[in-house]
Amino acid sequence: MKQEAPLHALAAYLPEGTFEQVMAYLTDYKVHLTVTRERQSILGDYRHPDRRGGHRISINGNLNKYAFLITLLHEISHLTTYMQYANSVASHGKEWKQHFSNILKQFVGKGYLPPDVEMALRQSIQNPAASSCADDDLMRVLKRYDTQKENHFLVEQLAPNQLFRTKDGRIFRRGERIRKRYRCEEVATKRMYLFSPVYEVELVAA
């Protein structure tokens, strides 16, 4: 289910003071922006022009304002990278990282963001991750501004062997940390999966 809305409605999704700068990108490049329901695997998406139309960006509408802004800027960076290099460079290669860093710099130090988000973003600017989901430190800070759900926690906040439920209803047992991820067993199948430490799950009573 996709929600089409006038671009001025975008202001409700963004931190105060950022709308004009964001709109400049969207109007200059004639972007078709869609706000979607939550998607499990991605926060946002960019599609370059083809026979169906011009630049298209979609962003999950359930994100808090700071996560929405950063995700939108991430996708705009794909657009500007495409405009310069077309499909001749890696999707999240050094060219995209440079574009993303340059765009992010226009939004830091302006008072748009809380101090903790600003600090995490300044660190991220040095070497942006392929997705804000992949930047654990940034994701951890952004999640502080989500609406708190009862009985929901990050995987790293759970005790060893704690049972938890993912959004698709499957139940897992939290295992040990292996480098940057947690090894967790799906109870029904005994199969092992690796989870991000900042993935949100629902606690299950033993």
Protein backbone atom coordinates (compact mmCIF):
# COMPACT_ATOMS: atom_id res chain seq x y z
CA MET A 1 0.00 0.00 0.00
CA LYS A 2 1.56 3.26 -1.14
CA GLN A 3 0.48 6.69 -0.05
CA GLU A 4 0.56 9.51 -2.57
CA ALA A 5 0.49 13.00 -1.06
CA PRO A 6 1.31 16.56 -2.10
CA LEU A 7 4.95 17.39 -1.53
CA HIS A 8 4.09 20.03 1.08
CA ALA A 9 2.77 17.17 3.25
CA LEU A 10 6.39 15.99 3.43
CA ALA A 11 7.09 18.61 6.11
CA ALA A 12 5.29 16.46 8.69
CA TYR A 13 7.86 13.69 8.21
CA LEU A 14 10.96 15.89 8.53
CA PRO A 15 12.77 17.68 11.37
CA GLU A 16 11.82 21.34 11.68
CA GLY A 17 13.87 23.56 9.42
CA THR A 18 14.89 20.94 6.85
CA PHE A 19 11.89 21.05 4.51
CA GLU A 20 13.11 23.82 2.19
CA GLN A 21 16.51 22.20 1.62
CA VAL A 22 14.98 18.80 0.98
CA MET A 23 12.35 20.28 -1.35
CA ALA A 24 15.08 21.96 -3.38
CA TYR A 25 16.51 18.54 -4.27
CA LEU A 26 13.11 17.01 -5.01
CA THR A 27 11.97 19.86 -7.24
CA ASP A 28 15.31 20.41 -9.00
CA TYR A 29 15.48 16.75 -10.01
CA LYS A 30 11.70 16.34 -10.44
CA VAL A 31 11.63 13.40 -8.02
CA HIS A 32 8.49 11.29 -7.67
CA LEU A 33 8.48 10.62 -3.90
CA THR A 34 6.35 7.90 -2.36
CA VAL A 35 5.88 7.33 1.38
CA THR A 36 5.22 3.63 1.94
CA ARG A 37 4.21 1.37 4.77
CA GLU A 38 6.99 -0.32 6.71
CA ARG A 39 9.17 -2.70 4.70
CA GLN A 40 11.21 -5.27 6.60
CA SER A 41 14.30 -5.34 4.41
CA ILE A 42 14.73 -1.69 3.39
CA LEU A 43 14.06 1.78 4.77
CA GLY A 44 14.16 3.54 1.41
CA ASP A 45 14.72 2.97 -2.29
CA TYR A 46 15.87 4.90 -5.37
CA ARG A 47 15.00 4.09 -8.99
CA HIS A 48 16.66 6.01 -11.82
CA PRO A 49 14.68 7.28 -14.81
CA ASP A 50 13.42 4.73 -17.33
CA ARG A 51 10.52 4.40 -19.77
CA ARG A 52 8.09 4.55 -16.82
CA GLY A 53 9.19 8.01 -15.78
CA GLY A 54 11.83 10.08 -13.99
CA HIS A 55 13.64 9.71 -10.68
CA ARG A 56 11.62 7.76 -8.11
CA ILE A 57 12.30 7.54 -4.36
CA SER A 58 10.29 5.66 -1.76
CA ILE A 59 10.73 5.99 2.02
CA ASN A 60 9.11 4.02 4.84
CA GLY A 61 6.55 6.27 6.51
CA ASN A 62 6.94 4.69 9.96
CA LEU A 63 10.42 6.16 10.51
CA ASN A 64 10.96 8.87 13.10
CA LYS A 65 11.76 12.32 11.69
CA TYR A 66 15.53 12.02 11.99
CA ALA A 67 15.66 8.53 10.47
CA PHE A 68 13.31 9.68 7.69
CA LEU A 69 15.57 12.63 6.84
CA ILE A 70 18.77 10.57 6.83
CA THR A 71 17.18 7.80 4.75
CA LEU A 72 15.82 10.34 2.25
CA LEU A 73 19.25 11.99 1.96
CA HIS A 74 20.76 8.52 1.46
CA GLU A 75 18.46 7.96 -1.53
CA ILE A 76 18.97 11.47 -2.91
CA SER A 77 22.70 10.68 -2.84
CA HIS A 78 22.03 7.70 -5.10
CA LEU A 79 20.25 10.09 -7.46
CA THR A 80 23.08 12.63 -7.57
CA THR A 81 25.64 9.84 -8.00
CA TYR A 82 23.61 8.43 -10.89
CA MET A 83 23.44 11.88 -12.49
CA GLN A 84 27.23 12.07 -12.50
CA TYR A 85 28.22 8.48 -13.20
CA ALA A 86 25.06 6.70 -14.46
CA ASN A 87 25.54 2.97 -13.79
CA SER A 88 29.32 2.97 -14.14
CA VAL A 89 30.15 2.88 -10.40
CA ALA A 90 29.32 0.57 -7.48
CA SER A 91 25.99 1.23 -5.75
CA HIS A 92 27.63 2.12 -2.43
CA GLY A 93 31.16 2.72 -3.63
CA LYS A 94 33.48 5.63 -2.94
CA GLU A 95 31.64 7.89 -5.41
CA TRP A 96 28.30 7.43 -3.61
CA LYS A 97 29.98 7.84 -0.21
CA GLN A 98 31.43 11.16 -1.34
CA HIS A 99 28.04 12.39 -2.56
CA PHE A 100 26.32 11.26 0.65
CA SER A 101 28.95 12.90 2.85
CA ASN A 102 28.65 16.16 0.92
CA ILE A 103 24.86 16.20 1.25
CA LEU A 104 24.91 15.26 4.95
CA LYS A 105 27.31 18.12 5.68
CA GLN A 106 24.59 20.55 4.57
CA PHE A 107 22.36 19.34 7.43
CA VAL A 108 24.77 19.13 10.37
CA GLY A 109 25.71 22.06 12.57
CA LYS A 110 22.41 23.82 11.80
CA GLY A 111 20.45 22.86 14.92
CA TYR A 112 18.12 20.54 12.99
CA LEU A 113 19.20 17.43 14.88
CA PRO A 114 19.49 16.44 18.56
CA PRO A 115 23.11 16.46 19.82
CA ASP A 116 23.39 12.65 19.97
CA VAL A 117 22.09 12.21 16.40
CA GLU A 118 24.38 15.01 15.23
CA MET A 119 27.42 13.35 16.83
CA ALA A 120 26.61 9.92 15.36
CA LEU A 121 26.02 11.48 11.95
CA ARG A 122 29.31 13.39 12.04
CA GLN A 123 31.08 10.07 12.68
CA SER A 124 29.10 8.42 9.88
CA ILE A 125 30.05 11.18 7.42
CA GLN A 126 33.67 9.98 7.54
CA ASN A 127 32.70 6.65 5.95
CA PRO A 128 28.96 6.23 5.36
CA ALA A 129 27.55 2.71 5.60
CA ALA A 130 25.59 1.16 2.72
CA SER A 131 22.47 1.78 4.77
CA SER A 132 21.68 3.51 8.03
CA CYS A 133 20.59 0.03 9.15
CA ALA A 134 24.17 -1.13 8.63
CA ASP A 135 25.59 1.64 10.81
CA ASP A 136 24.93 0.18 14.26
CA ASP A 137 26.02 3.28 16.19
CA LEU A 138 23.81 5.61 14.12
CA MET A 139 20.89 3.17 14.22
CA ARG A 140 21.18 2.82 18.00
CA VAL A 141 20.95 6.58 18.44
CA LEU A 142 18.10 7.01 15.93
CA LYS A 143 16.04 4.35 17.69
CA ARG A 144 15.97 6.51 20.83
CA TYR A 145 13.49 8.71 18.97
CA ASP A 146 11.12 5.92 17.92
CA THR A 147 7.76 5.58 19.61
CA GLN A 148 8.41 3.03 22.35
CA LYS A 149 6.52 -0.24 21.93
CA GLU A 150 5.63 -2.28 24.98
CA ASN A 151 7.76 -5.40 25.47
CA HIS A 152 10.02 -4.58 22.51
CA PHE A 153 13.81 -4.46 22.82
CA LEU A 154 16.96 -4.51 20.73
CA VAL A 155 18.61 -7.92 20.34
CA GLU A 156 21.69 -6.66 22.20
CA GLN A 157 19.49 -5.79 25.22
CA LEU A 158 18.28 -9.37 25.67
CA ALA A 159 19.80 -11.87 28.09
CA PRO A 160 21.50 -14.99 26.69
CA ASN A 161 18.98 -17.73 25.82
CA GLN A 162 16.10 -15.23 25.95
CA LEU A 163 13.27 -16.06 23.56
CA PHE A 164 12.09 -13.35 21.17
CA ARG A 165 9.64 -12.94 18.32
CA THR A 166 10.42 -11.20 15.03
CA LYS A 167 7.92 -9.13 13.08
CA ASP A 168 7.00 -12.10 10.89
CA GLY A 169 6.00 -14.12 13.97
CA ARG A 170 8.96 -16.50 14.15
CA ILE A 171 10.47 -17.24 17.56
CA PHE A 172 14.20 -17.33 18.24
CA ARG A 173 16.56 -17.93 21.15
CA ARG A 174 19.33 -15.35 21.55
CA GLY A 175 22.78 -16.86 21.42
CA GLU A 176 26.32 -15.58 21.62
CA ARG A 177 27.75 -12.55 19.86
CA ILE A 178 29.98 -13.37 16.91
CA ARG A 179 31.91 -10.28 15.86
CA LYS A 180 29.20 -7.73 15.04
CA ARG A 181 26.16 -10.02 15.03
CA TYR A 182 24.26 -12.30 17.42
CA ARG A 183 23.89 -15.98 16.57
CA CYS A 184 20.27 -16.96 17.29
CA GLU A 185 18.42 -20.24 16.92
CA GLU A 186 14.97 -20.39 15.36
CA VAL A 187 13.04 -22.51 17.86
CA ALA A 188 10.80 -24.30 15.34
CA THR A 189 13.52 -25.36 12.87
CA LYS A 190 16.71 -25.29 15.01
CA ARG A 191 18.33 -23.30 12.22
CA MET A 192 20.82 -20.58 13.10
CA TYR A 193 20.57 -16.95 11.98
CA LEU A 194 22.70 -13.87 12.55
CA PHE A 195 20.97 -10.77 13.90
CA SER A 196 22.09 -7.16 14.07
CA PRO A 197 22.54 -6.03 17.69
CA VAL A 198 20.15 -3.12 17.02
CA TYR A 199 17.36 -5.18 15.43
CA GLU A 200 14.11 -4.63 17.36
CA VAL A 201 12.22 -7.73 18.56
CA GLU A 202 9.42 -8.65 20.91
CA LEU A 203 10.22 -10.40 24.18
CA VAL A 204 8.61 -13.84 24.61
CA ALA A 205 7.91 -15.19 28.09
CA ALA A 206 9.70 -18.48 28.77
